[in-house]
Amino acid sequence: MPADPREAAREICLRQLAVRPRTRAELATAMRKRGVDDEIAAEILDRYDEVGIIDDAAFARAWVTSRHHGRGLSRRALAGELRRKGVSSDEAGEALDQLAPDVEEETARALVVRRLRVESRSAPEVAFRRIVGMLARKGYPPGLAIRLVKEAMSERDAEAAEFAEAVDPDALADAAYDPDAS
């Protein structure tokens, strides 16, 4: 580690950035963990901000695009990830605005179709539960998840269609948020 604390701080930042793009907050945390004085860290981060080495707004846009297309995450899940990475709510909001609701729904629909193929041998109620659960873990609202799975199952086969027809999406979505439900 270099003797000059500013050089040490720069080295920490550059090592972090060599792995993947980072937010200002992530770099500040990395420097804090390595014992860099907050004043020096702020000075280095301000300079990196000034020259464009770090840009939280660009990071947020790239993160939303990558994680939505790569993992199929919803706006809600992406907002949580950006918040944990230290992106401001304004910058996160602008990045999430690039993800149109119809694109988000199409992504969820594609996830359902893909997962339904995997669940082809499962009983309809098991497949339904697993696929709705998968969408929930990716941050999709219960109403949307239930509706999309119900639609896809009704096209699958007679047994799945019969099960899907009997599903009441409103009751299930309400139960998903009912704290008194057992």
C-alpha atoms as a PDB file:
ATOM      1  CA  MET A   1       0.000   0.000   0.000  1.00  0.00           C
ATOM      2  CA  PRO A   2       1.439   3.391  -0.947  1.00  0.00           C
ATOM      3  CA  ALA A   3       2.553   5.687   1.874  1.00  0.00           C
ATOM      4  CA  ASP A   4       0.563   8.640   0.507  1.00  0.00           C
ATOM      5  CA  PRO A   5      -3.045   8.286   1.792  1.00  0.00           C
ATOM      6  CA  ARG A   6      -4.476   9.941  -1.334  1.00  0.00           C
ATOM      7  CA  GLU A   7      -2.619   7.507  -3.574  1.00  0.00           C
ATOM      8  CA  ALA A   8      -3.848   4.614  -1.408  1.00  0.00           C
ATOM      9  CA  ALA A   9      -7.426   5.872  -1.765  1.00  0.00           C
ATOM     10  CA  ARG A  10      -7.055   6.160  -5.544  1.00  0.00           C
ATOM     11  CA  GLU A  11      -5.660   2.625  -5.695  1.00  0.00           C
ATOM     12  CA  ILE A  12      -8.613   1.258  -3.696  1.00  0.00           C
ATOM     13  CA  CYS A  13     -11.060   2.972  -6.037  1.00  0.00           C
ATOM     14  CA  LEU A  14      -9.320   1.845  -9.197  1.00  0.00           C
ATOM     15  CA  ARG A  15      -9.162  -1.764  -7.990  1.00  0.00           C
ATOM     16  CA  GLN A  16     -12.877  -1.678  -7.225  1.00  0.00           C
ATOM     17  CA  LEU A  17     -13.675  -0.124 -10.591  1.00  0.00           C
ATOM     18  CA  ALA A  18     -11.515  -2.665 -12.435  1.00  0.00           C
ATOM     19  CA  VAL A  19     -13.923  -5.423 -11.359  1.00  0.00           C
ATOM     20  CA  ARG A  20     -17.154  -3.654 -12.349  1.00  0.00           C
ATOM     21  CA  PRO A  21     -18.668  -0.160 -12.345  1.00  0.00           C
ATOM     22  CA  ARG A  22     -19.396   1.094  -8.820  1.00  0.00           C
ATOM     23  CA  THR A  23     -21.491   3.810  -7.259  1.00  0.00           C
ATOM     24  CA  ARG A  24     -20.010   6.620  -5.256  1.00  0.00           C
ATOM     25  CA  ALA A  25     -21.440   5.066  -2.083  1.00  0.00           C
ATOM     26  CA  GLU A  26     -19.855   1.678  -2.842  1.00  0.00           C
ATOM     27  CA  LEU A  27     -16.447   3.279  -3.347  1.00  0.00           C
ATOM     28  CA  ALA A  28     -16.816   5.335  -0.164  1.00  0.00           C
ATOM     29  CA  THR A  29     -17.656   2.174   1.772  1.00  0.00           C
ATOM     30  CA  ALA A  30     -14.652   0.324   0.320  1.00  0.00           C
ATOM     31  CA  MET A  31     -12.330   3.167   1.319  1.00  0.00           C
ATOM     32  CA  ARG A  32     -13.872   3.420   4.789  1.00  0.00           C
ATOM     33  CA  LYS A  33     -13.292  -0.315   5.324  1.00  0.00           C
ATOM     34  CA  ARG A  34      -9.637   0.148   4.403  1.00  0.00           C
ATOM     35  CA  GLY A  35      -9.219   3.011   6.878  1.00  0.00           C
ATOM     36  CA  VAL A  36      -9.119   5.944   4.464  1.00  0.00           C
ATOM     37  CA  ASP A  37      -9.949   9.247   6.143  1.00  0.00           C
ATOM     38  CA  ASP A  38     -13.438  10.483   5.147  1.00  0.00           C
ATOM     39  CA  GLU A  39     -12.061  13.847   4.038  1.00  0.00           C
ATOM     40  CA  ILE A  40      -9.546  12.236   1.684  1.00  0.00           C
ATOM     41  CA  ALA A  41     -12.201   9.811   0.391  1.00  0.00           C
ATOM     42  CA  ALA A  42     -14.566  12.689  -0.364  1.00  0.00           C
ATOM     43  CA  GLU A  43     -11.779  14.569  -2.159  1.00  0.00           C
ATOM     44  CA  ILE A  44     -10.937  11.545  -4.345  1.00  0.00           C
ATOM     45  CA  LEU A  45     -14.597  10.791  -5.062  1.00  0.00           C
ATOM     46  CA  ASP A  46     -15.312  14.407  -5.966  1.00  0.00           C
ATOM     47  CA  ARG A  47     -12.427  14.360  -8.433  1.00  0.00           C
ATOM     48  CA  TYR A  48     -13.562  11.038  -9.952  1.00  0.00           C
ATOM     49  CA  ASP A  49     -17.069  12.456 -10.225  1.00  0.00           C
ATOM     50  CA  GLU A  50     -15.734  15.594 -11.907  1.00  0.00           C
ATOM     51  CA  VAL A  51     -13.802  13.686 -14.575  1.00  0.00           C
ATOM     52  CA  GLY A  52     -16.581  11.139 -15.143  1.00  0.00           C
ATOM     53  CA  ILE A  53     -14.903   8.040 -13.740  1.00  0.00           C
ATOM     54  CA  ILE A  54     -17.900   7.544 -11.494  1.00  0.00           C
ATOM     55  CA  ASP A  55     -21.407   8.498 -12.542  1.00  0.00           C
ATOM     56  CA  ASP A  56     -24.257   7.150 -10.428  1.00  0.00           C
ATOM     57  CA  ALA A  57     -26.913   8.101 -13.005  1.00  0.00           C
ATOM     58  CA  ALA A  58     -25.127   6.187 -15.781  1.00  0.00           C
ATOM     59  CA  PHE A  59     -24.517   3.302 -13.379  1.00  0.00           C
ATOM     60  CA  ALA A  60     -28.237   3.174 -12.544  1.00  0.00           C
ATOM     61  CA  ARG A  61     -29.284   3.192 -16.218  1.00  0.00           C
ATOM     62  CA  ALA A  62     -26.857   0.392 -17.066  1.00  0.00           C
ATOM     63  CA  TRP A  63     -27.865  -1.586 -13.968  1.00  0.00           C
ATOM     64  CA  VAL A  64     -31.568  -1.393 -14.817  1.00  0.00           C
ATOM     65  CA  THR A  65     -30.990  -2.460 -18.415  1.00  0.00           C
ATOM     66  CA  SER A  66     -28.654  -5.293 -17.504  1.00  0.00           C
ATOM     67  CA  ARG A  67     -30.584  -6.742 -14.567  1.00  0.00           C
ATOM     68  CA  HIS A  68     -33.985  -6.440 -16.223  1.00  0.00           C
ATOM     69  CA  HIS A  69     -32.931  -8.079 -19.480  1.00  0.00           C
ATOM     70  CA  GLY A  70     -30.510 -10.534 -17.904  1.00  0.00           C
ATOM     71  CA  ARG A  71     -32.419 -11.645 -14.796  1.00  0.00           C
ATOM     72  CA  GLY A  72     -35.940 -10.452 -15.564  1.00  0.00           C
ATOM     73  CA  LEU A  73     -36.154  -8.315 -12.430  1.00  0.00           C
ATOM     74  CA  SER A  74     -39.096  -5.969 -11.988  1.00  0.00           C
ATOM     75  CA  ARG A  75     -38.956  -2.228 -11.376  1.00  0.00           C
ATOM     76  CA  ARG A  76     -39.598  -2.816  -7.676  1.00  0.00           C
ATOM     77  CA  ALA A  77     -36.703  -5.278  -7.314  1.00  0.00           C
ATOM     78  CA  LEU A  78     -34.392  -3.018  -9.308  1.00  0.00           C
ATOM     79  CA  ALA A  79     -35.315  -0.014  -7.162  1.00  0.00           C
ATOM     80  CA  GLY A  80     -34.342  -1.985  -4.062  1.00  0.00           C
ATOM     81  CA  GLU A  81     -31.014  -3.017  -5.572  1.00  0.00           C
ATOM     82  CA  LEU A  82     -30.197   0.546  -6.587  1.00  0.00           C
ATOM     83  CA  ARG A  83     -31.121   1.815  -3.133  1.00  0.00           C
ATOM     84  CA  ARG A  84     -28.784  -0.774  -1.523  1.00  0.00           C
ATOM     85  CA  LYS A  85     -26.003   0.358  -3.856  1.00  0.00           C
ATOM     86  CA  GLY A  86     -26.386   3.949  -2.691  1.00  0.00           C
ATOM     87  CA  VAL A  87     -27.963   5.434  -5.816  1.00  0.00           C
ATOM     88  CA  SER A  88     -30.105   8.469  -4.992  1.00  0.00           C
ATOM     89  CA  SER A  89     -33.858   8.094  -5.399  1.00  0.00           C
ATOM     90  CA  ASP A  90     -33.880  10.742  -8.161  1.00  0.00           C
ATOM     91  CA  GLU A  91     -31.214   8.946 -10.192  1.00  0.00           C
ATOM     92  CA  ALA A  92     -32.864   5.566  -9.561  1.00  0.00           C
ATOM     93  CA  GLY A  93     -36.240   6.976 -10.606  1.00  0.00           C
ATOM     94  CA  GLU A  94     -34.840   8.334 -13.850  1.00  0.00           C
ATOM     95  CA  ALA A  95     -33.185   4.997 -14.627  1.00  0.00           C
ATOM     96  CA  LEU A  96     -36.364   3.065 -13.828  1.00  0.00           C
ATOM     97  CA  ASP A  97     -38.418   5.378 -16.035  1.00  0.00           C
ATOM     98  CA  GLN A  98     -36.634   3.874 -19.057  1.00  0.00           C
ATOM     99  CA  LEU A  99     -38.361   0.554 -18.236  1.00  0.00           C
ATOM    100  CA  ALA A 100     -41.873   0.868 -19.651  1.00  0.00           C
ATOM    101  CA  PRO A 101     -44.683  -1.036 -17.892  1.00  0.00           C
ATOM    102  CA  ASP A 102     -45.539  -2.962 -21.063  1.00  0.00           C
ATOM    103  CA  VAL A 103     -41.897  -4.075 -21.422  1.00  0.00           C
ATOM    104  CA  GLU A 104     -41.904  -5.186 -17.794  1.00  0.00           C
ATOM    105  CA  GLU A 105     -45.092  -7.191 -18.344  1.00  0.00           C
ATOM    106  CA  GLU A 106     -43.690  -8.799 -21.510  1.00  0.00           C
ATOM    107  CA  THR A 107     -40.573  -9.817 -19.599  1.00  0.00           C
ATOM    108  CA  ALA A 108     -42.719 -11.375 -16.874  1.00  0.00           C
ATOM    109  CA  ARG A 109     -44.798 -13.166 -19.511  1.00  0.00           C
ATOM    110  CA  ALA A 110     -41.639 -14.598 -21.117  1.00  0.00           C
ATOM    111  CA  LEU A 111     -40.432 -15.789 -17.704  1.00  0.00           C
ATOM    112  CA  VAL A 112     -43.764 -17.554 -17.152  1.00  0.00           C
ATOM    113  CA  VAL A 113     -43.668 -19.277 -20.538  1.00  0.00           C
ATOM    114  CA  ARG A 114     -40.081 -20.416 -20.009  1.00  0.00           C
ATOM    115  CA  ARG A 115     -40.757 -21.691 -16.488  1.00  0.00           C
ATOM    116  CA  LEU A 116     -43.978 -23.404 -17.542  1.00  0.00           C
ATOM    117  CA  ARG A 117     -41.934 -25.561 -19.911  1.00  0.00           C
ATOM    118  CA  VAL A 118     -39.748 -26.636 -16.980  1.00  0.00           C
ATOM    119  CA  GLU A 119     -42.845 -27.375 -14.911  1.00  0.00           C
ATOM    120  CA  SER A 120     -44.534 -29.376 -17.702  1.00  0.00           C
ATOM    121  CA  ARG A 121     -44.695 -32.572 -15.626  1.00  0.00           C
ATOM    122  CA  SER A 122     -45.773 -30.860 -12.405  1.00  0.00           C
ATOM    123  CA  ALA A 123     -49.341 -30.883 -11.175  1.00  0.00           C
ATOM    124  CA  PRO A 124     -51.100 -27.641 -12.137  1.00  0.00           C
ATOM    125  CA  GLU A 125     -51.355 -26.383  -8.538  1.00  0.00           C
ATOM    126  CA  VAL A 126     -47.643 -27.058  -7.967  1.00  0.00           C
ATOM    127  CA  ALA A 127     -46.615 -25.352 -11.210  1.00  0.00           C
ATOM    128  CA  PHE A 128     -48.888 -22.409 -10.417  1.00  0.00           C
ATOM    129  CA  ARG A 129     -47.427 -21.966  -6.933  1.00  0.00           C
ATOM    130  CA  ARG A 130     -43.826 -22.274  -8.131  1.00  0.00           C
ATOM    131  CA  ILE A 131     -44.178 -19.858 -11.025  1.00  0.00           C
ATOM    132  CA  VAL A 132     -46.067 -17.225  -9.038  1.00  0.00           C
ATOM    133  CA  GLY A 133     -43.386 -17.581  -6.338  1.00  0.00           C
ATOM    134  CA  MET A 134     -40.606 -17.111  -8.896  1.00  0.00           C
ATOM    135  CA  LEU A 135     -42.234 -13.907 -10.164  1.00  0.00           C
ATOM    136  CA  ALA A 136     -42.714 -12.678  -6.589  1.00  0.00           C
ATOM    137  CA  ARG A 137     -39.003 -13.189  -5.863  1.00  0.00           C
ATOM    138  CA  LYS A 138     -38.225 -11.105  -8.942  1.00  0.00           C
ATOM    139  CA  GLY A 139     -40.398  -8.308  -7.535  1.00  0.00           C
ATOM    140  CA  TYR A 140     -43.548  -8.594  -9.643  1.00  0.00           C
ATOM    141  CA  PRO A 141     -46.845  -7.655  -7.957  1.00  0.00           C
ATOM    142  CA  PRO A 142     -49.091 -10.591  -6.981  1.00  0.00           C
ATOM    143  CA  GLY A 143     -51.991  -9.505  -9.203  1.00  0.00           C
ATOM    144  CA  LEU A 144     -49.816  -9.386 -12.313  1.00  0.00           C
ATOM    145  CA  ALA A 145     -48.042 -12.652 -11.471  1.00  0.00           C
ATOM    146  CA  ILE A 146     -51.276 -14.523 -10.865  1.00  0.00           C
ATOM    147  CA  ARG A 147     -52.918 -13.155 -14.006  1.00  0.00           C
ATOM    148  CA  LEU A 148     -49.968 -14.047 -16.247  1.00  0.00           C
ATOM    149  CA  VAL A 149     -49.586 -17.553 -14.840  1.00  0.00           C
ATOM    150  CA  LYS A 150     -53.323 -18.140 -15.104  1.00  0.00           C
ATOM    151  CA  GLU A 151     -53.301 -17.023 -18.769  1.00  0.00           C
ATOM    152  CA  ALA A 152     -50.313 -19.211 -19.641  1.00  0.00           C
ATOM    153  CA  MET A 153     -51.723 -22.251 -17.846  1.00  0.00           C
ATOM    154  CA  SER A 154     -55.069 -21.940 -19.582  1.00  0.00           C
ATOM    155  CA  GLU A 155     -53.198 -22.421 -22.876  1.00  0.00           C
ATOM    156  CA  ARG A 156     -51.096 -25.372 -21.620  1.00  0.00           C
ATOM    157  CA  ASP A 157     -53.490 -28.348 -21.542  1.00  0.00           C
ATOM    158  CA  ALA A 158     -57.003 -29.283 -20.422  1.00  0.00           C
ATOM    159  CA  GLU A 159     -56.081 -30.069 -16.801  1.00  0.00           C
ATOM    160  CA  ALA A 160     -54.039 -26.888 -16.397  1.00  0.00           C
ATOM    161  CA  ALA A 161     -56.770 -24.863 -18.116  1.00  0.00           C
ATOM    162  CA  GLU A 162     -59.385 -26.277 -15.727  1.00  0.00           C
ATOM    163  CA  PHE A 163     -57.206 -25.421 -12.723  1.00  0.00           C
ATOM    164  CA  ALA A 164     -56.459 -21.929 -14.071  1.00  0.00           C
ATOM    165  CA  GLU A 165     -60.157 -21.271 -14.664  1.00  0.00           C
ATOM    166  CA  ALA A 166     -60.893 -22.012 -10.997  1.00  0.00           C
ATOM    167  CA  VAL A 167     -58.223 -19.584  -9.717  1.00  0.00           C
ATOM    168  CA  ASP A 168     -59.592 -16.303  -8.377  1.00  0.00           C
ATOM    169  CA  PRO A 169     -56.734 -13.827  -8.907  1.00  0.00           C
ATOM    170  CA  ASP A 170     -58.322 -11.122  -6.757  1.00  0.00           C
ATOM    171  CA  ALA A 171     -58.716 -13.427  -3.762  1.00  0.00           C
ATOM    172  CA  LEU A 172     -55.148 -14.708  -4.119  1.00  0.00           C
ATOM    173  CA  ALA A 173     -53.668 -11.224  -4.497  1.00  0.00           C
ATOM    174  CA  ASP A 174     -55.597 -10.044  -1.438  1.00  0.00           C
ATOM    175  CA  ALA A 175     -54.446 -13.077   0.553  1.00  0.00           C
ATOM    176  CA  ALA A 176     -50.848 -12.366  -0.407  1.00  0.00           C
ATOM    177  CA  TYR A 177     -51.027  -9.108   1.540  1.00  0.00           C
ATOM    178  CA  ASP A 178     -53.378 -10.162   4.365  1.00  0.00           C
ATOM    179  CA  PRO A 179     -51.373 -10.213   7.627  1.00  0.00           C
ATOM    180  CA  ASP A 180     -54.169 -12.155   9.366  1.00  0.00           C
ATOM    181  CA  ALA A 181     -54.207 -14.977   6.789  1.00  0.00           C
ATOM    182  CA  SER A 182     -52.706 -18.232   7.971  1.00  0.00           C
END
